[in-house]
C-alpha cells in the first residue's frame, strides 16, 4: 500500500467472546493498521496486560531454546513465508479440533514444562 492511496479510518467494537477469531482474521489482511486510541495509558493498567506479560515470557523462553539449539548446533528451519506459517497453524488447529485461541496456552505450557 502506498501513502498516496485513499484510506479510511474506522472504529470497530469486537465482542470479547469473538475477539480472538476476529483479530486473527484481521491480522491476516495486509491492509489493516491498528491504532492505539489510548497511547497515554500505562500498559499494565490495560485489560490485556496479563496476556502481554505471558507473551513476553513465552518469547523469552523461545529465545532461550533457540540459543540452546544454536549452542548445540541444532539447525532450526524457519517457515518459508508468512502464508506457509499461517497454513501450518490452521492445519494444527484443525487436527487439534479445538479453537485456535487455546493454542497459545498449550505452547506456553510446553515451554514451561521444558
N, C-alpha and C. Protein backbone atom coordinates (compact mmCIF):
# COMPACT_ATOMS: atom_id res chain seq x y z
N UNK A 1 0.85 -1.16 0.00
CA UNK A 1 0.00 0.00 0.00
C UNK A 1 0.90 1.23 0.00
N UNK A 2 0.52 2.22 -0.79
CA UNK A 2 1.29 3.44 -0.90
C UNK A 2 0.64 4.55 -0.08
N UNK A 3 1.43 5.50 0.36
CA UNK A 3 0.92 6.60 1.17
C UNK A 3 -0.12 7.42 0.41
N UNK A 4 -0.03 7.45 -0.90
CA UNK A 4 -0.94 8.27 -1.69
C UNK A 4 -2.29 7.59 -1.94
N UNK A 5 -2.39 6.31 -1.58
CA UNK A 5 -3.66 5.62 -1.77
C UNK A 5 -4.70 6.11 -0.78
N UNK A 6 -5.93 6.13 -1.23
CA UNK A 6 -7.01 6.58 -0.36
C UNK A 6 -7.24 5.56 0.75
N UNK A 7 -7.45 6.08 1.96
CA UNK A 7 -7.64 5.21 3.12
C UNK A 7 -8.86 5.69 3.88
N UNK A 8 -9.36 4.84 4.73
CA UNK A 8 -10.47 5.20 5.61
C UNK A 8 -10.13 4.85 7.04
N UNK A 9 -10.66 5.62 7.96
CA UNK A 9 -10.45 5.36 9.38
C UNK A 9 -11.77 4.90 9.96
N UNK A 10 -11.76 3.71 10.55
CA UNK A 10 -12.98 3.13 11.09
C UNK A 10 -12.75 2.69 12.52
N UNK A 11 -13.80 2.69 13.28
CA UNK A 11 -13.76 2.17 14.64
C UNK A 11 -14.62 0.92 14.67
N UNK A 12 -14.08 -0.15 15.23
CA UNK A 12 -14.88 -1.36 15.38
C UNK A 12 -14.91 -1.75 16.85
N UNK A 13 -16.02 -2.29 17.25
CA UNK A 13 -16.16 -2.81 18.60
C UNK A 13 -16.33 -4.31 18.46
N UNK A 14 -15.48 -5.05 19.13
CA UNK A 14 -15.47 -6.50 18.99
C UNK A 14 -15.94 -7.12 20.30
N UNK A 15 -16.94 -7.99 20.23
CA UNK A 15 -17.36 -8.69 21.46
C UNK A 15 -16.21 -9.54 21.99
N UNK A 16 -16.05 -9.54 23.29
CA UNK A 16 -14.93 -10.26 23.91
C UNK A 16 -14.93 -11.75 23.55
N UNK A 17 -16.11 -12.34 23.41
CA UNK A 17 -16.20 -13.77 23.09
C UNK A 17 -15.64 -14.10 21.71
N UNK A 18 -15.64 -13.13 20.80
CA UNK A 18 -15.20 -13.38 19.43
C UNK A 18 -13.90 -12.66 19.08
N UNK A 19 -13.27 -12.02 20.04
CA UNK A 19 -12.13 -11.17 19.71
C UNK A 19 -10.96 -11.95 19.11
N UNK A 20 -10.69 -13.16 19.59
CA UNK A 20 -9.56 -13.92 19.06
C UNK A 20 -9.76 -14.22 17.58
N UNK A 21 -10.92 -14.73 17.22
CA UNK A 21 -11.17 -15.11 15.83
C UNK A 21 -11.18 -13.88 14.92
N UNK A 22 -11.79 -12.80 15.38
CA UNK A 22 -11.88 -11.59 14.55
C UNK A 22 -10.50 -10.97 14.36
N UNK A 23 -9.73 -10.84 15.43
CA UNK A 23 -8.40 -10.25 15.30
C UNK A 23 -7.48 -11.15 14.49
N UNK A 24 -7.66 -12.47 14.57
CA UNK A 24 -6.89 -13.40 13.75
C UNK A 24 -7.16 -13.13 12.27
N UNK A 25 -8.42 -13.00 11.92
CA UNK A 25 -8.77 -12.73 10.51
C UNK A 25 -8.26 -11.37 10.06
N UNK A 26 -8.42 -10.35 10.91
CA UNK A 26 -7.93 -9.02 10.55
C UNK A 26 -6.41 -9.02 10.41
N UNK A 27 -5.73 -9.75 11.27
CA UNK A 27 -4.28 -9.81 11.22
C UNK A 27 -3.74 -10.46 9.97
N UNK A 28 -4.53 -11.30 9.34
CA UNK A 28 -4.11 -11.96 8.10
C UNK A 28 -4.20 -11.02 6.89
N UNK A 29 -4.92 -9.93 7.03
CA UNK A 29 -5.06 -8.97 5.94
C UNK A 29 -3.89 -7.99 5.97
N UNK A 30 -3.39 -7.65 4.82
CA UNK A 30 -2.25 -6.72 4.79
C UNK A 30 -2.69 -5.26 4.75
N UNK A 31 -3.98 -5.02 4.77
CA UNK A 31 -4.47 -3.65 4.66
C UNK A 31 -5.00 -3.10 5.98
N UNK A 32 -4.72 -3.77 7.07
CA UNK A 32 -5.25 -3.35 8.36
C UNK A 32 -4.12 -2.76 9.20
N UNK A 33 -4.39 -1.62 9.77
CA UNK A 33 -3.46 -0.97 10.68
C UNK A 33 -4.23 -0.62 11.94
N UNK A 34 -3.78 -1.13 13.08
CA UNK A 34 -4.48 -0.89 14.34
C UNK A 34 -3.83 0.31 15.02
N UNK A 35 -4.67 1.24 15.46
CA UNK A 35 -4.20 2.45 16.13
C UNK A 35 -4.59 2.38 17.59
N UNK A 36 -3.64 2.66 18.45
CA UNK A 36 -3.89 2.69 19.90
C UNK A 36 -4.62 3.99 20.22
N UNK A 37 -5.86 3.88 20.65
CA UNK A 37 -6.65 5.07 20.97
C UNK A 37 -6.36 5.61 22.36
N UNK A 38 -5.58 4.90 23.15
CA UNK A 38 -5.21 5.34 24.50
C UNK A 38 -3.70 5.26 24.69
N UNK A 39 -2.94 6.01 23.88
CA UNK A 39 -1.48 5.86 23.95
C UNK A 39 -0.88 6.31 25.28
N UNK A 40 -1.57 7.16 26.01
CA UNK A 40 -1.03 7.64 27.28
C UNK A 40 -1.26 6.70 28.45
N UNK A 41 -2.13 5.72 28.25
CA UNK A 41 -2.44 4.78 29.33
C UNK A 41 -1.30 3.78 29.50
N UNK A 42 -0.92 3.55 30.75
CA UNK A 42 0.15 2.61 31.04
C UNK A 42 -0.27 1.20 30.62
N UNK A 43 0.68 0.46 30.07
CA UNK A 43 0.40 -0.91 29.60
C UNK A 43 -0.16 -1.78 30.72
N UNK A 44 0.41 -1.70 31.91
CA UNK A 44 -0.02 -2.59 32.99
C UNK A 44 -1.41 -2.25 33.52
N UNK A 45 -2.00 -1.13 33.10
CA UNK A 45 -3.36 -0.78 33.50
C UNK A 45 -4.41 -1.26 32.50
N UNK A 46 -3.99 -1.83 31.42
CA UNK A 46 -4.92 -2.23 30.37
C UNK A 46 -5.47 -3.63 30.65
N UNK A 47 -6.62 -3.90 30.05
CA UNK A 47 -7.29 -5.17 30.33
C UNK A 47 -6.49 -6.37 29.82
N UNK A 48 -5.66 -6.18 28.81
CA UNK A 48 -4.91 -7.30 28.23
C UNK A 48 -3.48 -7.37 28.73
N UNK A 49 -3.14 -6.62 29.79
CA UNK A 49 -1.76 -6.56 30.28
C UNK A 49 -1.22 -7.93 30.68
N UNK A 50 -2.02 -8.74 31.34
CA UNK A 50 -1.52 -10.06 31.76
C UNK A 50 -1.21 -10.95 30.56
N UNK A 51 -2.00 -10.83 29.50
CA UNK A 51 -1.74 -11.61 28.29
C UNK A 51 -0.43 -11.17 27.64
N UNK A 52 -0.17 -9.86 27.61
CA UNK A 52 1.09 -9.36 27.06
C UNK A 52 2.29 -9.86 27.86
N UNK A 53 2.15 -9.90 29.18
CA UNK A 53 3.22 -10.42 30.02
C UNK A 53 3.47 -11.89 29.71
N UNK A 54 2.39 -12.65 29.51
CA UNK A 54 2.53 -14.07 29.16
C UNK A 54 3.24 -14.22 27.83
N UNK A 55 2.89 -13.38 26.85
CA UNK A 55 3.53 -13.44 25.53
C UNK A 55 5.02 -13.10 25.65
N UNK A 56 5.34 -12.07 26.43
CA UNK A 56 6.75 -11.69 26.63
C UNK A 56 7.54 -12.84 27.26
N UNK A 57 6.94 -13.48 28.25
CA UNK A 57 7.62 -14.59 28.92
C UNK A 57 7.80 -15.77 27.96
N UNK A 58 6.78 -16.08 27.16
CA UNK A 58 6.89 -17.16 26.19
C UNK A 58 7.96 -16.83 25.14
N UNK A 59 8.01 -15.58 24.71
CA UNK A 59 9.04 -15.16 23.75
C UNK A 59 10.44 -15.32 24.35
N UNK A 60 10.60 -14.95 25.62
CA UNK A 60 11.88 -15.09 26.31
C UNK A 60 12.31 -16.56 26.34
N UNK A 61 11.36 -17.45 26.63
CA UNK A 61 11.67 -18.87 26.69
C UNK A 61 12.04 -19.42 25.31
N UNK A 62 11.33 -18.95 24.28
CA UNK A 62 11.65 -19.40 22.93
C UNK A 62 13.02 -18.91 22.49
N UNK A 63 13.39 -17.68 22.86
CA UNK A 63 14.74 -17.18 22.55
C UNK A 63 15.79 -18.03 23.25
N UNK A 64 15.51 -18.43 24.49
CA UNK A 64 16.44 -19.29 25.22
C UNK A 64 16.59 -20.64 24.50
N UNK A 65 15.45 -21.24 24.10
CA UNK A 65 15.51 -22.51 23.38
C UNK A 65 16.27 -22.37 22.06
N UNK A 66 16.07 -21.25 21.39
CA UNK A 66 16.78 -21.00 20.14
C UNK A 66 18.29 -20.90 20.39
N UNK A 67 18.67 -20.18 21.45
CA UNK A 67 20.10 -20.06 21.75
C UNK A 67 20.70 -21.42 22.12
N UNK A 68 19.94 -22.25 22.82
CA UNK A 68 20.42 -23.59 23.16
C UNK A 68 20.57 -24.45 21.91
N UNK A 69 19.63 -24.33 20.98
CA UNK A 69 19.74 -25.07 19.72
C UNK A 69 20.98 -24.62 18.95
N UNK A 70 21.22 -23.31 18.92
CA UNK A 70 22.41 -22.79 18.24
C UNK A 70 23.67 -23.29 18.93
N UNK A 71 23.69 -23.29 20.25
CA UNK A 71 24.86 -23.75 21.01
C UNK A 71 25.15 -25.22 20.73
N UNK A 72 24.08 -26.02 20.60
CA UNK A 72 24.22 -27.45 20.35
C UNK A 72 24.30 -27.78 18.86
N UNK A 73 24.32 -26.73 18.04
CA UNK A 73 24.40 -26.86 16.58
C UNK A 73 23.21 -27.64 15.99
N UNK A 74 22.04 -27.40 16.55
CA UNK A 74 20.80 -27.98 16.03
C UNK A 74 20.21 -26.97 15.05
N UNK A 75 20.05 -27.40 13.81
CA UNK A 75 19.55 -26.50 12.77
C UNK A 75 18.05 -26.31 12.91
N UNK A 76 17.62 -25.05 12.97
CA UNK A 76 16.20 -24.73 13.01
C UNK A 76 15.76 -24.28 11.62
N UNK A 77 14.60 -24.73 11.21
CA UNK A 77 14.09 -24.40 9.88
C UNK A 77 12.93 -23.41 10.03
N UNK A 78 13.14 -22.13 9.72
CA UNK A 78 12.03 -21.18 9.80
C UNK A 78 11.05 -21.42 8.64
N UNK A 79 9.82 -20.97 8.80
CA UNK A 79 8.86 -21.11 7.69
C UNK A 79 9.34 -20.32 6.48
N UNK A 80 8.99 -20.80 5.31
CA UNK A 80 9.45 -20.13 4.08
C UNK A 80 8.74 -18.80 3.86
N UNK A 81 7.55 -18.66 4.42
CA UNK A 81 6.80 -17.41 4.26
C UNK A 81 5.76 -17.30 5.37
N UNK A 82 5.21 -16.13 5.49
CA UNK A 82 4.14 -15.91 6.46
C UNK A 82 2.94 -16.80 6.14
N UNK A 83 2.61 -16.90 4.85
CA UNK A 83 1.47 -17.71 4.44
C UNK A 83 1.66 -19.17 4.79
N UNK A 84 2.86 -19.69 4.58
CA UNK A 84 3.10 -21.11 4.91
C UNK A 84 3.00 -21.33 6.41
N UNK A 85 3.46 -20.35 7.20
CA UNK A 85 3.35 -20.46 8.65
C UNK A 85 1.89 -20.47 9.08
N UNK A 86 1.09 -19.55 8.53
CA UNK A 86 -0.32 -19.48 8.91
C UNK A 86 -1.07 -20.73 8.44
N UNK A 87 -0.69 -21.27 7.28
CA UNK A 87 -1.31 -22.51 6.82
C UNK A 87 -1.00 -23.66 7.78
N UNK A 88 0.23 -23.69 8.30
CA UNK A 88 0.60 -24.73 9.27
C UNK A 88 -0.20 -24.56 10.56
N UNK A 89 -0.37 -23.32 11.01
CA UNK A 89 -1.17 -23.06 12.22
C UNK A 89 -2.61 -23.50 12.00
N UNK A 90 -3.16 -23.20 10.82
CA UNK A 90 -4.53 -23.62 10.51
C UNK A 90 -4.66 -25.14 10.52
N UNK A 91 -3.67 -25.82 9.96
CA UNK A 91 -3.69 -27.28 9.94
C UNK A 91 -3.63 -27.85 11.36
N UNK A 92 -2.75 -27.30 12.17
CA UNK A 92 -2.65 -27.75 13.57
C UNK A 92 -3.97 -27.53 14.29
N UNK A 93 -4.59 -26.40 14.05
CA UNK A 93 -5.87 -26.08 14.69
C UNK A 93 -6.94 -27.10 14.29
N UNK A 94 -6.97 -27.47 13.01
CA UNK A 94 -7.96 -28.45 12.55
C UNK A 94 -7.70 -29.83 13.14
N UNK A 95 -6.43 -30.22 13.21
CA UNK A 95 -6.08 -31.54 13.75
C UNK A 95 -6.41 -31.60 15.24
N UNK A 96 -6.15 -30.50 15.95
CA UNK A 96 -6.40 -30.45 17.40
C UNK A 96 -7.90 -30.46 17.72
N UNK A 97 -8.70 -29.98 16.79
CA UNK A 97 -10.15 -29.90 16.96
C UNK A 97 -10.54 -29.06 18.18
N UNK A 98 -9.77 -28.01 18.38
CA UNK A 98 -10.05 -27.04 19.44
C UNK A 98 -9.83 -25.65 18.87
N UNK A 99 -10.39 -24.65 19.51
CA UNK A 99 -10.24 -23.28 18.98
C UNK A 99 -8.77 -22.84 18.97
N UNK A 100 -8.43 -22.03 17.99
CA UNK A 100 -7.06 -21.52 17.88
C UNK A 100 -6.68 -20.71 19.10
N UNK A 101 -7.64 -20.11 19.74
CA UNK A 101 -7.35 -19.27 20.90
C UNK A 101 -6.72 -20.05 22.06
N UNK A 102 -6.89 -21.37 22.06
CA UNK A 102 -6.31 -22.19 23.14
C UNK A 102 -4.90 -22.66 22.79
N UNK A 103 -4.47 -22.44 21.56
CA UNK A 103 -3.17 -22.94 21.12
C UNK A 103 -2.03 -22.28 21.88
N UNK A 104 -2.13 -20.97 22.14
CA UNK A 104 -1.08 -20.30 22.89
C UNK A 104 -0.93 -20.90 24.27
N UNK A 105 -2.06 -21.25 24.91
CA UNK A 105 -2.00 -21.87 26.23
C UNK A 105 -1.19 -23.16 26.19
N UNK A 106 -1.39 -23.95 25.15
CA UNK A 106 -0.66 -25.21 25.02
C UNK A 106 0.83 -24.97 24.80
N UNK A 107 1.15 -24.01 23.92
CA UNK A 107 2.55 -23.69 23.67
C UNK A 107 3.21 -23.18 24.95
N UNK A 108 2.50 -22.32 25.65
CA UNK A 108 3.01 -21.78 26.91
C UNK A 108 3.28 -22.90 27.92
N UNK A 109 2.35 -23.85 28.02
CA UNK A 109 2.54 -24.97 28.95
C UNK A 109 3.73 -25.83 28.55
N UNK A 110 3.90 -26.09 27.25
CA UNK A 110 5.03 -26.88 26.79
C UNK A 110 6.35 -26.18 27.11
N UNK A 111 6.38 -24.85 26.90
CA UNK A 111 7.60 -24.11 27.19
C UNK A 111 7.91 -24.11 28.68
N UNK A 112 6.89 -24.05 29.50
CA UNK A 112 7.06 -24.06 30.96
C UNK A 112 7.58 -25.41 31.42
N UNK A 113 7.06 -26.48 30.81
CA UNK A 113 7.47 -27.83 31.20
C UNK A 113 8.92 -28.12 30.81
N UNK A 114 9.41 -27.48 29.79
CA UNK A 114 10.76 -27.76 29.31
C UNK A 114 11.69 -26.87 30.04
